[in-house]
């Protein structure tokens, strides 16, 4: 069974002028959903497959991060767009152990985001409610191309309510890779360390492997690896990484 659903397309940003003030507003990207079933379990699982229509800004950003990963690993591919980024990540997954994978992604992020700029942001925005809420909004505005549609949500931190959570409706990277181990070792763990070390704000990334959603909770320290439920998750039956796993996919 297959069906498609097209959402209304609008440019990801628009401007509205009120007097002398101009406001930047975010719109949802154009996404197509294809209803598919895994071929080996057609009677049990039906899943919506997202198909993104990236604009010029998205493609520039995707190419930049893909080239950063390829330069760091030394492994090149001839694909384009988000497919090139996922291929670069898959090659890292196949050719390096988990610790090396963490280091590769951190180095790639350092190439993509120059250290002087990050140091300036850390100085101007020390860990505070304002900084945590700012980083949450910044993520929703500028990183939809990487993780998919998302929104800012509220949580309680240190006894007060903050809008410090980014809820990702369905993670683009997890959906494309379809691999728990790649999510853990090439996104969650290195991203948590990179954000904490470079911006001075802890973040706990909490993936939901059932519906492929995820939450980034700024200001919350992630649990120890021995206690993190995400690291005890077995891989998907139809994992695309084509690599033997132990029960724990992240190992």
C-alpha atoms as a PDB file:
ATOM      1  CA  UNK A   1       0.000   0.000   0.000  1.00  0.00           C
ATOM      2  CA  UNK A   2       1.353   3.399  -0.866  1.00  0.00           C
ATOM      3  CA  UNK A   3      -0.053   6.895  -0.612  1.00  0.00           C
ATOM      4  CA  UNK A   4       1.351  10.400  -0.600  1.00  0.00           C
ATOM      5  CA  UNK A   5       0.386  13.505   1.312  1.00  0.00           C
ATOM      6  CA  UNK A   6       1.722  16.898   0.221  1.00  0.00           C
ATOM      7  CA  UNK A   7       1.872  19.762   2.694  1.00  0.00           C
ATOM      8  CA  UNK A   8       1.457  23.341   1.562  1.00  0.00           C
ATOM      9  CA  UNK A   9       4.750  24.839   0.416  1.00  0.00           C
ATOM     10  CA  UNK A  10       5.965  28.159   1.664  1.00  0.00           C
ATOM     11  CA  UNK A  11       9.382  29.692   1.858  1.00  0.00           C
ATOM     12  CA  UNK A  12      10.961  28.736   5.213  1.00  0.00           C
ATOM     13  CA  UNK A  13      11.143  32.372   6.262  1.00  0.00           C
ATOM     14  CA  UNK A  14       9.164  35.513   5.548  1.00  0.00           C
ATOM     15  CA  UNK A  15       9.375  39.054   6.781  1.00  0.00           C
ATOM     16  CA  UNK A  16       6.645  41.298   8.068  1.00  0.00           C
ATOM     17  CA  UNK A  17       7.145  45.010   8.480  1.00  0.00           C
ATOM     18  CA  UNK A  18       5.422  46.843  11.314  1.00  0.00           C
ATOM     19  CA  UNK A  19       6.326  50.503  11.239  1.00  0.00           C
ATOM     20  CA  UNK A  20      10.107  50.571  11.416  1.00  0.00           C
ATOM     21  CA  UNK A  21      10.461  47.034  12.734  1.00  0.00           C
ATOM     22  CA  UNK A  22      11.024  43.974  10.611  1.00  0.00           C
ATOM     23  CA  UNK A  23      10.266  40.545  12.063  1.00  0.00           C
ATOM     24  CA  UNK A  24      11.578  37.230  10.777  1.00  0.00           C
ATOM     25  CA  UNK A  25       8.994  34.469  10.851  1.00  0.00           C
ATOM     26  CA  UNK A  26       9.610  30.776  10.394  1.00  0.00           C
ATOM     27  CA  UNK A  27       7.458  28.593   8.171  1.00  0.00           C
ATOM     28  CA  UNK A  28       7.363  24.831   7.936  1.00  0.00           C
ATOM     29  CA  UNK A  29       9.418  23.357   5.080  1.00  0.00           C
ATOM     30  CA  UNK A  30       7.752  21.527   2.233  1.00  0.00           C
ATOM     31  CA  UNK A  31       7.608  17.836   3.043  1.00  0.00           C
ATOM     32  CA  UNK A  32       5.996  14.941   1.240  1.00  0.00           C
ATOM     33  CA  UNK A  33       4.979  11.839   3.155  1.00  0.00           C
ATOM     34  CA  UNK A  34       4.892   8.421   1.518  1.00  0.00           C
ATOM     35  CA  UNK A  35       3.012   5.644   3.283  1.00  0.00           C
ATOM     36  CA  UNK A  36       5.125   2.486   3.111  1.00  0.00           C
ATOM     37  CA  UNK A  37       5.397  -0.946   4.680  1.00  0.00           C
ATOM     38  CA  UNK A  38       8.569  -2.967   5.299  1.00  0.00           C
ATOM     39  CA  UNK A  39       8.589  -5.877   2.848  1.00  0.00           C
ATOM     40  CA  UNK A  40       9.383  -8.550   5.442  1.00  0.00           C
ATOM     41  CA  UNK A  41       6.653  -7.568   7.897  1.00  0.00           C
ATOM     42  CA  UNK A  42       3.939  -6.045   5.745  1.00  0.00           C
ATOM     43  CA  UNK A  43       1.091  -7.176   7.931  1.00  0.00           C
ATOM     44  CA  UNK A  44       2.328  -5.468  11.086  1.00  0.00           C
ATOM     45  CA  UNK A  45       4.087  -2.181  10.373  1.00  0.00           C
ATOM     46  CA  UNK A  46       3.008   0.840   8.364  1.00  0.00           C
ATOM     47  CA  UNK A  47       5.233   3.911   8.422  1.00  0.00           C
ATOM     48  CA  UNK A  48       5.090   7.378   6.888  1.00  0.00           C
ATOM     49  CA  UNK A  49       8.269   8.125   4.957  1.00  0.00           C
ATOM     50  CA  UNK A  50       9.187  11.812   4.822  1.00  0.00           C
ATOM     51  CA  UNK A  51      10.462  13.283   1.563  1.00  0.00           C
ATOM     52  CA  UNK A  52      12.008  16.732   1.996  1.00  0.00           C
ATOM     53  CA  UNK A  53      12.108  19.489  -0.618  1.00  0.00           C
ATOM     54  CA  UNK A  54      15.210  21.399   0.471  1.00  0.00           C
ATOM     55  CA  UNK A  55      15.602  25.035  -0.540  1.00  0.00           C
ATOM     56  CA  UNK A  56      18.885  26.712  -1.492  1.00  0.00           C
ATOM     57  CA  UNK A  57      19.816  27.559   2.112  1.00  0.00           C
ATOM     58  CA  UNK A  58      19.136  23.988   3.226  1.00  0.00           C
ATOM     59  CA  UNK A  59      21.304  22.582   0.437  1.00  0.00           C
ATOM     60  CA  UNK A  60      24.215  24.894   1.264  1.00  0.00           C
ATOM     61  CA  UNK A  61      24.059  23.920   4.943  1.00  0.00           C
ATOM     62  CA  UNK A  62      23.723  20.204   4.161  1.00  0.00           C
ATOM     63  CA  UNK A  63      26.673  20.306   1.757  1.00  0.00           C
ATOM     64  CA  UNK A  64      28.772  22.170   4.331  1.00  0.00           C
ATOM     65  CA  UNK A  65      28.232  19.604   7.095  1.00  0.00           C
ATOM     66  CA  UNK A  66      28.614  16.695   4.658  1.00  0.00           C
ATOM     67  CA  UNK A  67      31.944  18.027   3.395  1.00  0.00           C
ATOM     68  CA  UNK A  68      33.102  18.574   6.984  1.00  0.00           C
ATOM     69  CA  UNK A  69      32.427  14.914   7.821  1.00  0.00           C
ATOM     70  CA  UNK A  70      34.056  13.685   4.602  1.00  0.00           C
ATOM     71  CA  UNK A  71      37.148  15.825   5.175  1.00  0.00           C
ATOM     72  CA  UNK A  72      37.475  14.519   8.722  1.00  0.00           C
ATOM     73  CA  UNK A  73      37.154  10.840   7.757  1.00  0.00           C
ATOM     74  CA  UNK A  74      39.066  11.138   4.483  1.00  0.00           C
ATOM     75  CA  UNK A  75      36.277   9.130   2.835  1.00  0.00           C
ATOM     76  CA  UNK A  76      34.601  10.851  -0.120  1.00  0.00           C
ATOM     77  CA  UNK A  77      31.335  10.115  -1.893  1.00  0.00           C
ATOM     78  CA  UNK A  78      29.742  11.409  -5.081  1.00  0.00           C
ATOM     79  CA  UNK A  79      26.212  11.776  -3.789  1.00  0.00           C
ATOM     80  CA  UNK A  80      24.455  15.087  -3.285  1.00  0.00           C
ATOM     81  CA  UNK A  81      22.115  16.715  -0.797  1.00  0.00           C
ATOM     82  CA  UNK A  82      21.109  14.989   2.410  1.00  0.00           C
ATOM     83  CA  UNK A  83      21.910  11.636   0.829  1.00  0.00           C
ATOM     84  CA  UNK A  84      25.563  12.683   0.700  1.00  0.00           C
ATOM     85  CA  UNK A  85      25.533  13.579   4.401  1.00  0.00           C
ATOM     86  CA  UNK A  86      23.959  10.249   5.398  1.00  0.00           C
ATOM     87  CA  UNK A  87      26.429   8.393   3.173  1.00  0.00           C
ATOM     88  CA  UNK A  88      29.342  10.198   4.848  1.00  0.00           C
ATOM     89  CA  UNK A  89      27.958   9.247   8.266  1.00  0.00           C
ATOM     90  CA  UNK A  90      27.407   5.646   7.162  1.00  0.00           C
ATOM     91  CA  UNK A  91      31.014   5.372   5.983  1.00  0.00           C
ATOM     92  CA  UNK A  92      32.181   6.641   9.366  1.00  0.00           C
ATOM     93  CA  UNK A  93      29.956   4.037  11.033  1.00  0.00           C
ATOM     94  CA  UNK A  94      31.389   1.209   8.927  1.00  0.00           C
ATOM     95  CA  UNK A  95      35.056   2.150   9.182  1.00  0.00           C
ATOM     96  CA  UNK A  96      35.563   3.424  12.734  1.00  0.00           C
ATOM     97  CA  UNK A  97      34.780   2.189  16.224  1.00  0.00           C
ATOM     98  CA  UNK A  98      32.293   4.084  18.453  1.00  0.00           C
ATOM     99  CA  UNK A  99      34.922   6.181  20.257  1.00  0.00           C
ATOM    100  CA  UNK A 100      36.464   7.193  16.933  1.00  0.00           C
ATOM    101  CA  UNK A 101      32.999   8.001  15.586  1.00  0.00           C
ATOM    102  CA  UNK A 102      32.409  10.435  18.465  1.00  0.00           C
ATOM    103  CA  UNK A 103      35.755  12.112  17.770  1.00  0.00           C
ATOM    104  CA  UNK A 104      35.050  12.346  14.033  1.00  0.00           C
ATOM    105  CA  UNK A 105      31.725  14.109  14.528  1.00  0.00           C
ATOM    106  CA  UNK A 106      33.162  16.517  17.095  1.00  0.00           C
ATOM    107  CA  UNK A 107      36.021  17.400  14.725  1.00  0.00           C
ATOM    108  CA  UNK A 108      33.564  17.793  11.846  1.00  0.00           C
ATOM    109  CA  UNK A 109      31.414  20.129  13.943  1.00  0.00           C
ATOM    110  CA  UNK A 110      34.496  22.144  14.858  1.00  0.00           C
ATOM    111  CA  UNK A 111      35.246  22.509  11.143  1.00  0.00           C
ATOM    112  CA  UNK A 112      31.655  23.525  10.419  1.00  0.00           C
ATOM    113  CA  UNK A 113      31.417  26.018  13.305  1.00  0.00           C
ATOM    114  CA  UNK A 114      34.676  27.966  13.832  1.00  0.00           C
ATOM    115  CA  UNK A 115      35.963  27.908  17.397  1.00  0.00           C
ATOM    116  CA  UNK A 116      36.346  31.738  17.723  1.00  0.00           C
ATOM    117  CA  UNK A 117      32.643  32.222  16.967  1.00  0.00           C
ATOM    118  CA  UNK A 118      31.645  29.572  19.491  1.00  0.00           C
ATOM    119  CA  UNK A 119      33.946  31.117  22.099  1.00  0.00           C
ATOM    120  CA  UNK A 120      32.343  34.515  21.527  1.00  0.00           C
ATOM    121  CA  UNK A 121      28.846  33.033  21.912  1.00  0.00           C
ATOM    122  CA  UNK A 122      29.899  31.303  25.126  1.00  0.00           C
ATOM    123  CA  UNK A 123      31.231  34.589  26.509  1.00  0.00           C
ATOM    124  CA  UNK A 124      28.161  36.600  25.540  1.00  0.00           C
ATOM    125  CA  UNK A 125      25.654  33.921  26.574  1.00  0.00           C
ATOM    126  CA  UNK A 126      26.782  32.169  29.761  1.00  0.00           C
ATOM    127  CA  UNK A 127      24.566  29.372  31.036  1.00  0.00           C
ATOM    128  CA  UNK A 128      21.290  30.991  32.122  1.00  0.00           C
ATOM    129  CA  UNK A 129      17.565  30.761  31.462  1.00  0.00           C
ATOM    130  CA  UNK A 130      17.922  33.322  28.679  1.00  0.00           C
ATOM    131  CA  UNK A 131      20.785  31.401  27.041  1.00  0.00           C
ATOM    132  CA  UNK A 132      18.981  28.067  27.224  1.00  0.00           C
ATOM    133  CA  UNK A 133      15.812  29.498  25.718  1.00  0.00           C
ATOM    134  CA  UNK A 134      17.835  31.339  23.076  1.00  0.00           C
ATOM    135  CA  UNK A 135      19.626  28.147  22.004  1.00  0.00           C
ATOM    136  CA  UNK A 136      16.287  26.323  21.785  1.00  0.00           C
ATOM    137  CA  UNK A 137      14.798  28.981  19.501  1.00  0.00           C
ATOM    138  CA  UNK A 138      18.000  29.197  17.448  1.00  0.00           C
ATOM    139  CA  UNK A 139      17.888  25.438  16.862  1.00  0.00           C
ATOM    140  CA  UNK A 140      14.298  25.493  15.621  1.00  0.00           C
ATOM    141  CA  UNK A 141      14.981  28.376  13.226  1.00  0.00           C
ATOM    142  CA  UNK A 142      18.297  27.317  11.716  1.00  0.00           C
ATOM    143  CA  UNK A 143      18.574  23.521  11.987  1.00  0.00           C
ATOM    144  CA  UNK A 144      15.316  22.176  10.582  1.00  0.00           C
ATOM    145  CA  UNK A 145      17.272  21.099   7.484  1.00  0.00           C
ATOM    146  CA  UNK A 146      19.330  18.763   9.689  1.00  0.00           C
ATOM    147  CA  UNK A 147      16.764  17.215  12.034  1.00  0.00           C
ATOM    148  CA  UNK A 148      13.383  17.894  10.436  1.00  0.00           C
ATOM    149  CA  UNK A 149      10.371  19.909  11.667  1.00  0.00           C
ATOM    150  CA  UNK A 150      10.573  20.826  15.335  1.00  0.00           C
ATOM    151  CA  UNK A 151       9.177  23.198  17.929  1.00  0.00           C
ATOM    152  CA  UNK A 152      10.107  24.779  21.240  1.00  0.00           C
ATOM    153  CA  UNK A 153       8.429  23.311  24.301  1.00  0.00           C
ATOM    154  CA  UNK A 154       8.424  24.092  27.990  1.00  0.00           C
ATOM    155  CA  UNK A 155       9.899  22.094  30.852  1.00  0.00           C
ATOM    156  CA  UNK A 156      10.710  22.570  34.510  1.00  0.00           C
ATOM    157  CA  UNK A 157      14.344  23.195  35.380  1.00  0.00           C
ATOM    158  CA  UNK A 158      15.645  24.124  38.818  1.00  0.00           C
ATOM    159  CA  UNK A 159      12.116  24.728  40.044  1.00  0.00           C
ATOM    160  CA  UNK A 160      11.075  27.124  37.288  1.00  0.00           C
ATOM    161  CA  UNK A 161       9.371  26.813  33.918  1.00  0.00           C
ATOM    162  CA  UNK A 162      11.531  27.403  30.852  1.00  0.00           C
ATOM    163  CA  UNK A 163      11.050  27.116  27.107  1.00  0.00           C
ATOM    164  CA  UNK A 164      14.304  25.200  26.821  1.00  0.00           C
ATOM    165  CA  UNK A 165      13.201  22.051  24.982  1.00  0.00           C
ATOM    166  CA  UNK A 166      13.379  21.429  21.245  1.00  0.00           C
ATOM    167  CA  UNK A 167      10.892  18.728  20.294  1.00  0.00           C
ATOM    168  CA  UNK A 168      11.799  17.124  16.959  1.00  0.00           C
ATOM    169  CA  UNK A 169       8.669  15.597  15.469  1.00  0.00           C
ATOM    170  CA  UNK A 170      10.493  12.934  13.468  1.00  0.00           C
ATOM    171  CA  UNK A 171      14.267  13.067  13.280  1.00  0.00           C
ATOM    172  CA  UNK A 172      15.412  13.307   9.688  1.00  0.00           C
ATOM    173  CA  UNK A 173      18.792  11.709  10.376  1.00  0.00           C
ATOM    174  CA  UNK A 174      17.321   8.764  12.281  1.00  0.00           C
ATOM    175  CA  UNK A 175      14.687   8.194   9.618  1.00  0.00           C
ATOM    176  CA  UNK A 176      17.215   8.289   6.777  1.00  0.00           C
ATOM    177  CA  UNK A 177      19.836   6.129   8.502  1.00  0.00           C
ATOM    178  CA  UNK A 178      17.256   3.859  10.178  1.00  0.00           C
ATOM    179  CA  UNK A 179      19.991   2.833  12.602  1.00  0.00           C
ATOM    180  CA  UNK A 180      19.967   3.216  16.377  1.00  0.00           C
ATOM    181  CA  UNK A 181      23.752   2.929  16.573  1.00  0.00           C
ATOM    182  CA  UNK A 182      24.288   5.776  14.104  1.00  0.00           C
ATOM    183  CA  UNK A 183      21.839   7.922  16.069  1.00  0.00           C
ATOM    184  CA  UNK A 184      23.698   7.259  19.328  1.00  0.00           C
ATOM    185  CA  UNK A 185      27.310   7.426  18.132  1.00  0.00           C
ATOM    186  CA  UNK A 186      27.089   9.936  15.285  1.00  0.00           C
ATOM    187  CA  UNK A 187      24.523  12.323  16.746  1.00  0.00           C
ATOM    188  CA  UNK A 188      23.433  12.046  20.381  1.00  0.00           C
ATOM    189  CA  UNK A 189      26.701  11.433  22.254  1.00  0.00           C
ATOM    190  CA  UNK A 190      29.061  13.659  20.226  1.00  0.00           C
ATOM    191  CA  UNK A 191      26.484  16.466  19.955  1.00  0.00           C
ATOM    192  CA  UNK A 192      25.920  16.489  23.710  1.00  0.00           C
ATOM    193  CA  UNK A 193      29.657  16.766  24.329  1.00  0.00           C
ATOM    194  CA  UNK A 194      30.224  19.362  21.597  1.00  0.00           C
ATOM    195  CA  UNK A 195      27.450  21.666  22.818  1.00  0.00           C
ATOM    196  CA  UNK A 196      28.540  21.397  26.458  1.00  0.00           C
ATOM    197  CA  UNK A 197      32.234  21.962  25.699  1.00  0.00           C
ATOM    198  CA  UNK A 198      31.814  24.710  23.100  1.00  0.00           C
ATOM    199  CA  UNK A 199      28.813  26.649  24.441  1.00  0.00           C
ATOM    200  CA  UNK A 200      29.033  25.841  28.141  1.00  0.00           C
ATOM    201  CA  UNK A 201      25.413  24.665  28.305  1.00  0.00           C
ATOM    202  CA  UNK A 202      24.604  21.004  28.980  1.00  0.00           C
ATOM    203  CA  UNK A 203      22.035  19.339  26.758  1.00  0.00           C
ATOM    204  CA  UNK A 204      20.311  15.993  27.063  1.00  0.00           C
ATOM    205  CA  UNK A 205      19.149  14.470  23.789  1.00  0.00           C
ATOM    206  CA  UNK A 206      16.333  11.983  24.339  1.00  0.00           C
ATOM    207  CA  UNK A 207      15.439   9.993  21.214  1.00  0.00           C
ATOM    208  CA  UNK A 208      12.205   8.025  21.006  1.00  0.00           C
ATOM    209  CA  UNK A 209      12.997   5.055  18.796  1.00  0.00           C
ATOM    210  CA  UNK A 210       9.345   4.053  18.477  1.00  0.00           C
ATOM    211  CA  UNK A 211       8.141   7.153  16.616  1.00  0.00           C
ATOM    212  CA  UNK A 212      11.601   8.583  15.724  1.00  0.00           C
ATOM    213  CA  UNK A 213      10.947  11.810  17.615  1.00  0.00           C
ATOM    214  CA  UNK A 214      13.578  13.378  19.852  1.00  0.00           C
ATOM    215  CA  UNK A 215      13.881  16.051  22.508  1.00  0.00           C
ATOM    216  CA  UNK A 216      16.867  18.305  23.098  1.00  0.00           C
ATOM    217  CA  UNK A 217      16.670  19.581  26.666  1.00  0.00           C
ATOM    218  CA  UNK A 218      19.025  22.520  27.138  1.00  0.00           C
ATOM    219  CA  UNK A 219      20.316  22.895  30.683  1.00  0.00           C
ATOM    220  CA  UNK A 220      19.819  19.241  31.611  1.00  0.00           C
ATOM    221  CA  UNK A 221      22.852  16.997  32.036  1.00  0.00           C
ATOM    222  CA  UNK A 222      22.511  13.679  30.201  1.00  0.00           C
ATOM    223  CA  UNK A 223      22.521  10.526  32.334  1.00  0.00           C
ATOM    224  CA  UNK A 224      25.663   8.446  32.667  1.00  0.00           C
ATOM    225  CA  UNK A 225      26.150   6.155  29.689  1.00  0.00           C
ATOM    226  CA  UNK A 226      25.604   3.121  31.925  1.00  0.00           C
ATOM    227  CA  UNK A 227      22.184   4.485  32.910  1.00  0.00           C
ATOM    228  CA  UNK A 228      21.004   6.079  29.664  1.00  0.00           C
ATOM    229  CA  UNK A 229      17.985   4.142  28.294  1.00  0.00           C
ATOM    230  CA  UNK A 230      18.887   5.162  24.738  1.00  0.00           C
ATOM    231  CA  UNK A 231      22.122   3.180  24.925  1.00  0.00           C
ATOM    232  CA  UNK A 232      20.251   0.002  25.817  1.00  0.00           C
ATOM    233  CA  UNK A 233      18.022   0.119  22.751  1.00  0.00           C
ATOM    234  CA  UNK A 234      18.333  -2.796  20.278  1.00  0.00           C
ATOM    235  CA  UNK A 235      18.632  -1.794  16.643  1.00  0.00           C
ATOM    236  CA  UNK A 236      15.778  -1.740  14.161  1.00  0.00           C
ATOM    237  CA  UNK A 237      14.905  -4.981  12.429  1.00  0.00           C
ATOM    238  CA  UNK A 238      15.443  -3.281   9.066  1.00  0.00           C
ATOM    239  CA  UNK A 239      18.615  -1.395  10.017  1.00  0.00           C
ATOM    240  CA  UNK A 240      20.158   0.172   6.908  1.00  0.00           C
ATOM    241  CA  UNK A 241      23.723   0.124   8.221  1.00  0.00           C
ATOM    242  CA  UNK A 242      24.146  -3.534   7.186  1.00  0.00           C
ATOM    243  CA  UNK A 243      26.425  -4.291  10.093  1.00  0.00           C
ATOM    244  CA  UNK A 244      26.202  -6.984  12.747  1.00  0.00           C
ATOM    245  CA  UNK A 245      25.192  -5.624  16.124  1.00  0.00           C
ATOM    246  CA  UNK A 246      25.161  -6.980  19.609  1.00  0.00           C
ATOM    247  CA  UNK A 247      21.876  -6.607  21.491  1.00  0.00           C
ATOM    248  CA  UNK A 248      22.875  -3.014  22.179  1.00  0.00           C
ATOM    249  CA  UNK A 249      23.158  -1.323  18.810  1.00  0.00           C
ATOM    250  CA  UNK A 250      25.439   1.439  20.074  1.00  0.00           C
ATOM    251  CA  UNK A 251      28.237  -0.995  20.939  1.00  0.00           C
END
